[in-house]
Amino acid sequence: MFREQGGFSEQTIEKELNNFTEQSLYGYQTIAPFLPDPQEGKRLLEVGAGSLILSAYLKELGFNVVALEPIGIGFEFLRLFSQEVMRRYPQVSLLNKGAEALEESDGLFDLIFSINVIEHLPDPLGSLEQMWKRLAPGGRMLHGCPNYLIPFDPHFSIPLIPGQNHLVGRIFRGRIAENPGLWDSINHITSLAIKRRFDTHFFPGQMTEAFDRLQQDQAYAARHPFLKSVQRILSASGLLGLLRKFPGEYLTPMFFEIRKP
């Protein structure tokens, strides 16, 4: 299907499918400890559902989940893949819109979550506000994303210079040229910006979990050679263990919770 309808090469197909699988597994492992009992019938919203693999799997487990994913121009592979998921799993509920477009008619949700999505939203704080409005009383939001309080971008595995994105773009233009649209989509959200707007709890230990992932996920490790170098330095200095107890709002990635009374 990908060859005939999209004209994609075998190499691209294998790369994209592996990426979808890896991201979906990571998303599930991240959110699983916070999932309610599916028999409770609580309503879930996955923001930035991407390939829809995770939402389809949660449906299979019995969760009442809605997938939110605005698949736009330039994402042909994702569009074809998600269409195939919808064909095989017609029970998946899809909202084809962005988080900023959530409205009253979409109903309320007991749990709203996203994994590596917030940093790509044009208006991250406004979108979080719209999500908060769609939380049922007593509901919670859980989001994991990079924390650009730390001058490092994990998408391109490059260090950053605060306030000098154009300079960074010139220094690493060869690497960024591989996916300029991705670079332009990054909003450089920080934990401090989120804290100023919301009563937020940041979970500790996310950075060390990212380092642990380097050992367990070879594809992830191959994409992040800079992180591997940092890990070696921290391990040699004995600082890696201390990071597990360091406040999560000062590390990257960050994983945070916003509750509604």
C-alpha atoms as a PDB file:
ATOM      1  CA  MET A   1       0.000   0.000   0.000  1.00  0.00           C
ATOM      2  CA  PHE A   2       2.754   2.466   0.936  1.00  0.00           C
ATOM      3  CA  ARG A   3       4.671   1.662  -2.241  1.00  0.00           C
ATOM      4  CA  GLU A   4       1.670   1.793  -4.554  1.00  0.00           C
ATOM      5  CA  GLN A   5      -0.295   4.701  -3.098  1.00  0.00           C
ATOM      6  CA  GLY A   6       2.507   6.829  -1.702  1.00  0.00           C
ATOM      7  CA  GLY A   7       5.515   5.851  -3.781  1.00  0.00           C
ATOM      8  CA  PHE A   8       7.609   5.344  -0.655  1.00  0.00           C
ATOM      9  CA  SER A   9      10.857   3.386  -0.706  1.00  0.00           C
ATOM     10  CA  GLU A  10      11.397   0.238   1.329  1.00  0.00           C
ATOM     11  CA  GLN A  11      13.902   2.115   3.492  1.00  0.00           C
ATOM     12  CA  THR A  12      11.416   4.898   4.280  1.00  0.00           C
ATOM     13  CA  ILE A  13       8.629   2.417   5.007  1.00  0.00           C
ATOM     14  CA  GLU A  14      10.787   0.422   7.433  1.00  0.00           C
ATOM     15  CA  LYS A  15      12.059   3.583   9.140  1.00  0.00           C
ATOM     16  CA  GLU A  16       8.587   5.092   9.593  1.00  0.00           C
ATOM     17  CA  LEU A  17       6.949   1.875  10.791  1.00  0.00           C
ATOM     18  CA  ASN A  18       9.720   1.286  13.315  1.00  0.00           C
ATOM     19  CA  ASN A  19       9.371   4.880  14.500  1.00  0.00           C
ATOM     20  CA  PHE A  20       5.586   4.552  14.920  1.00  0.00           C
ATOM     21  CA  THR A  21       5.993   1.320  16.874  1.00  0.00           C
ATOM     22  CA  GLU A  22       8.755   2.703  19.084  1.00  0.00           C
ATOM     23  CA  GLN A  23       6.856   5.915  19.883  1.00  0.00           C
ATOM     24  CA  SER A  24       3.623   4.064  20.618  1.00  0.00           C
ATOM     25  CA  LEU A  25       5.347   1.628  22.966  1.00  0.00           C
ATOM     26  CA  TYR A  26       7.131   4.474  24.751  1.00  0.00           C
ATOM     27  CA  GLY A  27       3.837   6.362  25.055  1.00  0.00           C
ATOM     28  CA  TYR A  28       2.097   3.362  26.568  1.00  0.00           C
ATOM     29  CA  GLN A  29       4.906   2.673  29.037  1.00  0.00           C
ATOM     30  CA  THR A  30       4.799   6.324  30.114  1.00  0.00           C
ATOM     31  CA  ILE A  31       1.041   6.581  30.591  1.00  0.00           C
ATOM     32  CA  ALA A  32       0.255   3.036  31.800  1.00  0.00           C
ATOM     33  CA  PRO A  33       0.890   3.682  35.544  1.00  0.00           C
ATOM     34  CA  PHE A  34      -1.726   6.451  35.485  1.00  0.00           C
ATOM     35  CA  LEU A  35      -4.493   4.711  33.570  1.00  0.00           C
ATOM     36  CA  PRO A  36      -7.749   4.039  35.431  1.00  0.00           C
ATOM     37  CA  ASP A  37      -9.445   0.650  35.466  1.00  0.00           C
ATOM     38  CA  PRO A  38     -11.022   0.342  31.989  1.00  0.00           C
ATOM     39  CA  GLN A  39     -14.181  -1.021  33.600  1.00  0.00           C
ATOM     40  CA  GLU A  40     -14.769   2.332  35.261  1.00  0.00           C
ATOM     41  CA  GLY A  41     -15.716   3.722  31.835  1.00  0.00           C
ATOM     42  CA  LYS A  42     -13.765   6.934  32.280  1.00  0.00           C
ATOM     43  CA  ARG A  43     -13.320   8.990  29.119  1.00  0.00           C
ATOM     44  CA  LEU A  44      -9.749   9.459  27.825  1.00  0.00           C
ATOM     45  CA  LEU A  45      -8.333  11.844  25.225  1.00  0.00           C
ATOM     46  CA  GLU A  46      -4.983  11.239  23.540  1.00  0.00           C
ATOM     47  CA  VAL A  47      -3.756  14.579  22.172  1.00  0.00           C
ATOM     48  CA  GLY A  48      -1.496  14.259  19.151  1.00  0.00           C
ATOM     49  CA  ALA A  49      -2.384  10.604  18.603  1.00  0.00           C
ATOM     50  CA  GLY A  50      -0.178  10.410  15.495  1.00  0.00           C
ATOM     51  CA  SER A  51      -0.306   6.933  13.972  1.00  0.00           C
ATOM     52  CA  LEU A  52      -3.313   6.019  16.196  1.00  0.00           C
ATOM     53  CA  ILE A  53      -1.549   2.828  17.310  1.00  0.00           C
ATOM     54  CA  LEU A  54      -1.714   3.730  20.999  1.00  0.00           C
ATOM     55  CA  SER A  55      -5.367   4.783  20.890  1.00  0.00           C
ATOM     56  CA  ALA A  56      -6.272   1.598  19.007  1.00  0.00           C
ATOM     57  CA  TYR A  57      -4.414  -0.494  21.584  1.00  0.00           C
ATOM     58  CA  LEU A  58      -6.148   1.267  24.481  1.00  0.00           C
ATOM     59  CA  LYS A  59      -9.475   0.580  22.757  1.00  0.00           C
ATOM     60  CA  GLU A  60      -8.521  -3.086  22.544  1.00  0.00           C
ATOM     61  CA  LEU A  61      -7.867  -3.043  26.282  1.00  0.00           C
ATOM     62  CA  GLY A  62     -11.367  -1.728  26.878  1.00  0.00           C
ATOM     63  CA  PHE A  63     -10.699   1.973  27.449  1.00  0.00           C
ATOM     64  CA  ASN A  64     -13.144   4.644  26.308  1.00  0.00           C
ATOM     65  CA  VAL A  65     -10.545   6.707  24.444  1.00  0.00           C
ATOM     66  CA  VAL A  66     -10.791   9.418  21.805  1.00  0.00           C
ATOM     67  CA  ALA A  67      -7.804  10.213  19.560  1.00  0.00           C
ATOM     68  CA  LEU A  68      -7.147  13.832  18.621  1.00  0.00           C
ATOM     69  CA  GLU A  69      -4.868  14.275  15.607  1.00  0.00           C
ATOM     70  CA  PRO A  70      -4.902  17.006  12.932  1.00  0.00           C
ATOM     71  CA  ILE A  71      -3.182  15.253  10.031  1.00  0.00           C
ATOM     72  CA  GLY A  72      -2.188  18.047   7.661  1.00  0.00           C
ATOM     73  CA  ILE A  73      -0.393  18.556   4.377  1.00  0.00           C
ATOM     74  CA  GLY A  74       3.105  17.101   4.227  1.00  0.00           C
ATOM     75  CA  PHE A  75       2.326  14.019   6.326  1.00  0.00           C
ATOM     76  CA  GLU A  76       1.263  11.607   3.595  1.00  0.00           C
ATOM     77  CA  PHE A  77       2.782   8.521   5.199  1.00  0.00           C
ATOM     78  CA  LEU A  78       1.051   9.290   8.498  1.00  0.00           C
ATOM     79  CA  ARG A  79      -2.237   9.891   6.693  1.00  0.00           C
ATOM     80  CA  LEU A  80      -2.083   6.546   4.865  1.00  0.00           C
ATOM     81  CA  PHE A  81      -1.072   4.699   8.013  1.00  0.00           C
ATOM     82  CA  SER A  82      -3.786   6.213  10.216  1.00  0.00           C
ATOM     83  CA  GLN A  83      -6.388   5.469   7.538  1.00  0.00           C
ATOM     84  CA  GLU A  84      -5.317   1.825   7.614  1.00  0.00           C
ATOM     85  CA  VAL A  85      -5.554   1.770  11.419  1.00  0.00           C
ATOM     86  CA  MET A  86      -9.075   3.232  11.199  1.00  0.00           C
ATOM     87  CA  ARG A  87     -10.021   0.594   8.602  1.00  0.00           C
ATOM     88  CA  ARG A  88      -8.794  -2.268  10.788  1.00  0.00           C
ATOM     89  CA  TYR A  89     -10.018  -0.750  14.049  1.00  0.00           C
ATOM     90  CA  PRO A  90     -13.222   1.134  13.168  1.00  0.00           C
ATOM     91  CA  GLN A  91     -14.035   1.462  16.867  1.00  0.00           C
ATOM     92  CA  VAL A  92     -11.303   4.137  17.198  1.00  0.00           C
ATOM     93  CA  SER A  93     -12.879   7.571  17.718  1.00  0.00           C
ATOM     94  CA  LEU A  94     -10.951  10.326  15.916  1.00  0.00           C
ATOM     95  CA  LEU A  95     -11.162  14.101  16.297  1.00  0.00           C
ATOM     96  CA  ASN A  96      -9.381  15.530  13.264  1.00  0.00           C
ATOM     97  CA  LYS A  97      -8.434  18.861  14.794  1.00  0.00           C
ATOM     98  CA  GLY A  98      -5.840  20.544  16.958  1.00  0.00           C
ATOM     99  CA  ALA A  99      -5.999  20.886  20.728  1.00  0.00           C
ATOM    100  CA  GLU A 100      -6.628  24.612  20.374  1.00  0.00           C
ATOM    101  CA  ALA A 101      -9.888  23.791  18.535  1.00  0.00           C
ATOM    102  CA  LEU A 102     -11.409  21.661  21.307  1.00  0.00           C
ATOM    103  CA  GLU A 103     -14.925  22.845  22.051  1.00  0.00           C
ATOM    104  CA  GLU A 104     -17.897  22.151  24.277  1.00  0.00           C
ATOM    105  CA  SER A 105     -19.481  19.751  21.799  1.00  0.00           C
ATOM    106  CA  ASP A 106     -16.468  17.420  22.178  1.00  0.00           C
ATOM    107  CA  GLY A 107     -17.593  16.669  25.720  1.00  0.00           C
ATOM    108  CA  LEU A 108     -15.600  16.256  28.902  1.00  0.00           C
ATOM    109  CA  PHE A 109     -12.733  13.870  29.616  1.00  0.00           C
ATOM    110  CA  ASP A 110     -11.495  12.321  32.850  1.00  0.00           C
ATOM    111  CA  LEU A 111      -7.924  11.965  31.579  1.00  0.00           C
ATOM    112  CA  ILE A 112      -6.215  13.961  28.831  1.00  0.00           C
ATOM    113  CA  PHE A 113      -2.650  13.012  27.913  1.00  0.00           C
ATOM    114  CA  SER A 114       0.049  13.607  25.315  1.00  0.00           C
ATOM    115  CA  ILE A 115       3.566  12.359  24.720  1.00  0.00           C
ATOM    116  CA  ASN A 116       6.046  14.629  22.902  1.00  0.00           C
ATOM    117  CA  VAL A 117       3.321  16.858  21.475  1.00  0.00           C
ATOM    118  CA  ILE A 118       3.199  20.072  23.530  1.00  0.00           C
ATOM    119  CA  GLU A 119       6.500  21.342  22.087  1.00  0.00           C
ATOM    120  CA  HIS A 120       4.991  21.358  18.575  1.00  0.00           C
ATOM    121  CA  LEU A 121       1.794  23.297  19.303  1.00  0.00           C
ATOM    122  CA  PRO A 122       1.675  26.845  17.852  1.00  0.00           C
ATOM    123  CA  ASP A 123       0.183  28.136  21.122  1.00  0.00           C
ATOM    124  CA  PRO A 124       1.102  25.592  23.817  1.00  0.00           C
ATOM    125  CA  LEU A 125      -0.287  27.504  26.786  1.00  0.00           C
ATOM    126  CA  GLY A 126      -3.506  28.374  24.968  1.00  0.00           C
ATOM    127  CA  SER A 127      -3.903  24.742  23.925  1.00  0.00           C
ATOM    128  CA  LEU A 128      -3.352  23.563  27.497  1.00  0.00           C
ATOM    129  CA  GLU A 129      -6.034  26.025  28.559  1.00  0.00           C
ATOM    130  CA  GLN A 130      -8.478  24.533  26.026  1.00  0.00           C
ATOM    131  CA  MET A 131      -7.673  21.025  27.266  1.00  0.00           C
ATOM    132  CA  TRP A 132      -8.203  22.117  30.872  1.00  0.00           C
ATOM    133  CA  LYS A 133     -11.659  23.398  29.942  1.00  0.00           C
ATOM    134  CA  ARG A 134     -12.528  19.939  28.585  1.00  0.00           C
ATOM    135  CA  LEU A 135     -11.513  18.181  31.811  1.00  0.00           C
ATOM    136  CA  ALA A 136     -14.340  16.740  33.862  1.00  0.00           C
ATOM    137  CA  PRO A 137     -14.449  17.740  37.554  1.00  0.00           C
ATOM    138  CA  GLY A 138     -11.719  15.790  39.331  1.00  0.00           C
ATOM    139  CA  GLY A 139     -10.018  15.078  35.990  1.00  0.00           C
ATOM    140  CA  ARG A 140      -6.317  15.270  35.264  1.00  0.00           C
ATOM    141  CA  MET A 141      -3.986  16.089  32.382  1.00  0.00           C
ATOM    142  CA  LEU A 142      -0.643  14.327  31.927  1.00  0.00           C
ATOM    143  CA  HIS A 143       1.878  15.592  29.396  1.00  0.00           C
ATOM    144  CA  GLY A 144       5.432  14.617  28.579  1.00  0.00           C
ATOM    145  CA  CYS A 145       7.669  16.818  26.407  1.00  0.00           C
ATOM    146  CA  PRO A 146      11.106  18.445  26.285  1.00  0.00           C
ATOM    147  CA  ASN A 147      11.769  21.217  28.784  1.00  0.00           C
ATOM    148  CA  TYR A 148      13.578  23.997  26.926  1.00  0.00           C
ATOM    149  CA  LEU A 149      14.670  25.494  30.211  1.00  0.00           C
ATOM    150  CA  ILE A 150      17.555  23.115  29.492  1.00  0.00           C
ATOM    151  CA  PRO A 151      19.320  24.307  26.288  1.00  0.00           C
ATOM    152  CA  PHE A 152      19.083  21.055  24.354  1.00  0.00           C
ATOM    153  CA  ASP A 153      16.796  19.879  21.567  1.00  0.00           C
ATOM    154  CA  PRO A 154      16.194  16.103  21.500  1.00  0.00           C
ATOM    155  CA  HIS A 155      14.635  16.045  18.009  1.00  0.00           C
ATOM    156  CA  PHE A 156      17.937  16.975  16.375  1.00  0.00           C
ATOM    157  CA  SER A 157      20.132  16.055  19.370  1.00  0.00           C
ATOM    158  CA  ILE A 158      21.800  19.469  19.374  1.00  0.00           C
ATOM    159  CA  PRO A 159      22.685  22.000  22.098  1.00  0.00           C
ATOM    160  CA  LEU A 160      20.862  25.329  22.020  1.00  0.00           C
ATOM    161  CA  ILE A 161      21.818  28.943  22.725  1.00  0.00           C
ATOM    162  CA  PRO A 162      18.984  30.682  24.633  1.00  0.00           C
ATOM    163  CA  GLY A 163      17.426  33.418  22.524  1.00  0.00           C
ATOM    164  CA  GLN A 164      19.639  32.620  19.535  1.00  0.00           C
ATOM    165  CA  ASN A 165      17.613  30.150  17.470  1.00  0.00           C
ATOM    166  CA  HIS A 166      18.725  31.703  14.191  1.00  0.00           C
ATOM    167  CA  LEU A 167      22.365  31.281  15.171  1.00  0.00           C
ATOM    168  CA  VAL A 168      21.765  27.655  16.186  1.00  0.00           C
ATOM    169  CA  GLY A 169      19.992  27.156  12.859  1.00  0.00           C
ATOM    170  CA  ARG A 170      23.067  28.364  11.007  1.00  0.00           C
ATOM    171  CA  ILE A 171      25.513  26.328  13.086  1.00  0.00           C
ATOM    172  CA  PHE A 172      23.551  23.105  12.629  1.00  0.00           C
ATOM    173  CA  ARG A 173      21.975  23.915   9.248  1.00  0.00           C
ATOM    174  CA  GLY A 174      23.122  20.604   7.754  1.00  0.00           C
ATOM    175  CA  ARG A 175      21.314  18.578  10.379  1.00  0.00           C
ATOM    176  CA  ILE A 176      18.247  20.826  10.435  1.00  0.00           C
ATOM    177  CA  ALA A 177      18.010  20.710   6.622  1.00  0.00           C
ATOM    178  CA  GLU A 178      16.980  17.065   6.924  1.00  0.00           C
ATOM    179  CA  ASN A 179      13.656  18.192   8.414  1.00  0.00           C
ATOM    180  CA  PRO A 180      13.249  21.993   8.414  1.00  0.00           C
ATOM    181  CA  GLY A 181       9.506  21.740   9.030  1.00  0.00           C
ATOM    182  CA  LEU A 182      10.154  19.916  12.292  1.00  0.00           C
ATOM    183  CA  TRP A 183      12.633  22.602  13.386  1.00  0.00           C
ATOM    184  CA  ASP A 184      10.158  25.374  12.597  1.00  0.00           C
ATOM    185  CA  SER A 185       7.412  23.631  14.591  1.00  0.00           C
ATOM    186  CA  ILE A 186       9.324  23.658  17.902  1.00  0.00           C
ATOM    187  CA  ASN A 187       7.964  26.280  20.308  1.00  0.00           C
ATOM    188  CA  HIS A 188      10.645  25.930  23.042  1.00  0.00           C
ATOM    189  CA  ILE A 189       8.141  25.527  25.875  1.00  0.00           C
ATOM    190  CA  THR A 190       9.573  25.633  29.410  1.00  0.00           C
ATOM    191  CA  SER A 191       8.416  24.394  32.794  1.00  0.00           C
ATOM    192  CA  LEU A 192       8.499  27.967  34.118  1.00  0.00           C
ATOM    193  CA  ALA A 193       6.012  29.145  31.486  1.00  0.00           C
ATOM    194  CA  ILE A 194       3.650  26.306  32.389  1.00  0.00           C
ATOM    195  CA  LYS A 195       3.988  26.979  36.136  1.00  0.00           C
ATOM    196  CA  ARG A 196       3.086  30.637  35.638  1.00  0.00           C
ATOM    197  CA  ARG A 197      -0.241  29.658  34.054  1.00  0.00           C
ATOM    198  CA  PHE A 198      -1.238  26.438  35.860  1.00  0.00           C
ATOM    199  CA  ASP A 199      -0.985  24.748  39.228  1.00  0.00           C
ATOM    200  CA  THR A 200       1.363  22.028  38.026  1.00  0.00           C
ATOM    201  CA  HIS A 201       3.059  18.967  39.506  1.00  0.00           C
ATOM    202  CA  PHE A 202       6.281  17.866  37.807  1.00  0.00           C
ATOM    203  CA  PHE A 203       7.358  14.256  38.257  1.00  0.00           C
ATOM    204  CA  PRO A 204      11.049  13.623  39.051  1.00  0.00           C
ATOM    205  CA  GLY A 205      13.269  11.121  37.318  1.00  0.00           C
ATOM    206  CA  GLN A 206      12.299  11.715  33.688  1.00  0.00           C
ATOM    207  CA  MET A 207      15.832  12.604  32.601  1.00  0.00           C
ATOM    208  CA  THR A 208      17.304   9.439  34.088  1.00  0.00           C
ATOM    209  CA  GLU A 209      14.546   7.411  32.451  1.00  0.00           C
ATOM    210  CA  ALA A 210      15.604   8.940  29.121  1.00  0.00           C
ATOM    211  CA  PHE A 211      19.175   7.808  29.819  1.00  0.00           C
ATOM    212  CA  ASP A 212      17.896   4.345  30.751  1.00  0.00           C
ATOM    213  CA  ARG A 213      16.089   4.258  27.423  1.00  0.00           C
ATOM    214  CA  LEU A 214      19.427   4.653  25.642  1.00  0.00           C
ATOM    215  CA  GLN A 215      20.369   1.213  26.963  1.00  0.00           C
ATOM    216  CA  GLN A 216      17.046  -0.431  26.113  1.00  0.00           C
ATOM    217  CA  ASP A 217      16.160   1.133  22.749  1.00  0.00           C
ATOM    218  CA  GLN A 218      18.830   0.902  20.070  1.00  0.00           C
ATOM    219  CA  ALA A 219      16.902   3.020  17.549  1.00  0.00           C
ATOM    220  CA  TYR A 220      16.510   5.771  20.147  1.00  0.00           C
ATOM    221  CA  ALA A 221      20.193   5.576  21.036  1.00  0.00           C
ATOM    222  CA  ALA A 222      21.197   5.817  17.371  1.00  0.00           C
ATOM    223  CA  ARG A 223      19.226   9.048  17.021  1.00  0.00           C
ATOM    224  CA  HIS A 224      20.775  10.634  20.118  1.00  0.00           C
ATOM    225  CA  PRO A 225      24.580  10.248  20.124  1.00  0.00           C
ATOM    226  CA  PHE A 226      24.920  13.534  22.068  1.00  0.00           C
ATOM    227  CA  LEU A 227      22.812  12.115  24.913  1.00  0.00           C
ATOM    228  CA  LYS A 228      25.043   9.044  25.028  1.00  0.00           C
ATOM    229  CA  SER A 229      28.068  11.309  25.512  1.00  0.00           C
ATOM    230  CA  VAL A 230      26.295  13.223  28.297  1.00  0.00           C
ATOM    231  CA  GLN A 231      25.314   9.951  29.943  1.00  0.00           C
ATOM    232  CA  ARG A 232      28.931   8.775  30.004  1.00  0.00           C
ATOM    233  CA  ILE A 233      30.057  12.047  31.620  1.00  0.00           C
ATOM    234  CA  LEU A 234      27.316  11.938  34.270  1.00  0.00           C
ATOM    235  CA  SER A 235      27.983   8.286  35.044  1.00  0.00           C
ATOM    236  CA  ALA A 236      31.715   8.869  35.415  1.00  0.00           C
ATOM    237  CA  SER A 237      31.139  11.857  37.726  1.00  0.00           C
ATOM    238  CA  GLY A 238      28.543  10.064  39.860  1.00  0.00           C
ATOM    239  CA  LEU A 239      25.896  12.684  39.100  1.00  0.00           C
ATOM    240  CA  LEU A 240      23.545  10.344  37.248  1.00  0.00           C
ATOM    241  CA  GLY A 241      22.144   8.875  40.467  1.00  0.00           C
ATOM    242  CA  LEU A 242      21.506  12.334  41.929  1.00  0.00           C
ATOM    243  CA  LEU A 243      19.366  13.300  38.957  1.00  0.00           C
ATOM    244  CA  ARG A 244      16.737  10.744  39.974  1.00  0.00           C
ATOM    245  CA  LYS A 245      15.876  12.915  42.980  1.00  0.00           C
ATOM    246  CA  PHE A 246      16.319  16.302  41.307  1.00  0.00           C
ATOM    247  CA  PRO A 247      13.110  18.378  40.887  1.00  0.00           C
ATOM    248  CA  GLY A 248      11.511  17.427  37.570  1.00  0.00           C
ATOM    249  CA  GLU A 249      10.763  21.020  36.583  1.00  0.00           C
ATOM    250  CA  TYR A 250      14.490  21.713  36.185  1.00  0.00           C
ATOM    251  CA  LEU A 251      15.249  18.720  33.970  1.00  0.00           C
ATOM    252  CA  THR A 252      14.424  17.598  30.465  1.00  0.00           C
ATOM    253  CA  PRO A 253      12.286  15.881  29.369  1.00  0.00           C
ATOM    254  CA  MET A 254       9.538  16.924  31.762  1.00  0.00           C
ATOM    255  CA  PHE A 255       6.431  14.975  32.677  1.00  0.00           C
ATOM    256  CA  PHE A 256       3.778  17.000  34.443  1.00  0.00           C
ATOM    257  CA  GLU A 257       0.261  16.804  35.782  1.00  0.00           C
ATOM    258  CA  ILE A 258      -2.495  19.429  35.907  1.00  0.00           C
ATOM    259  CA  ARG A 259      -5.613  18.558  37.904  1.00  0.00           C
ATOM    260  CA  LYS A 260      -9.098  20.034  37.881  1.00  0.00           C
ATOM    261  CA  PRO A 261     -10.942  20.342  41.213  1.00  0.00           C
END
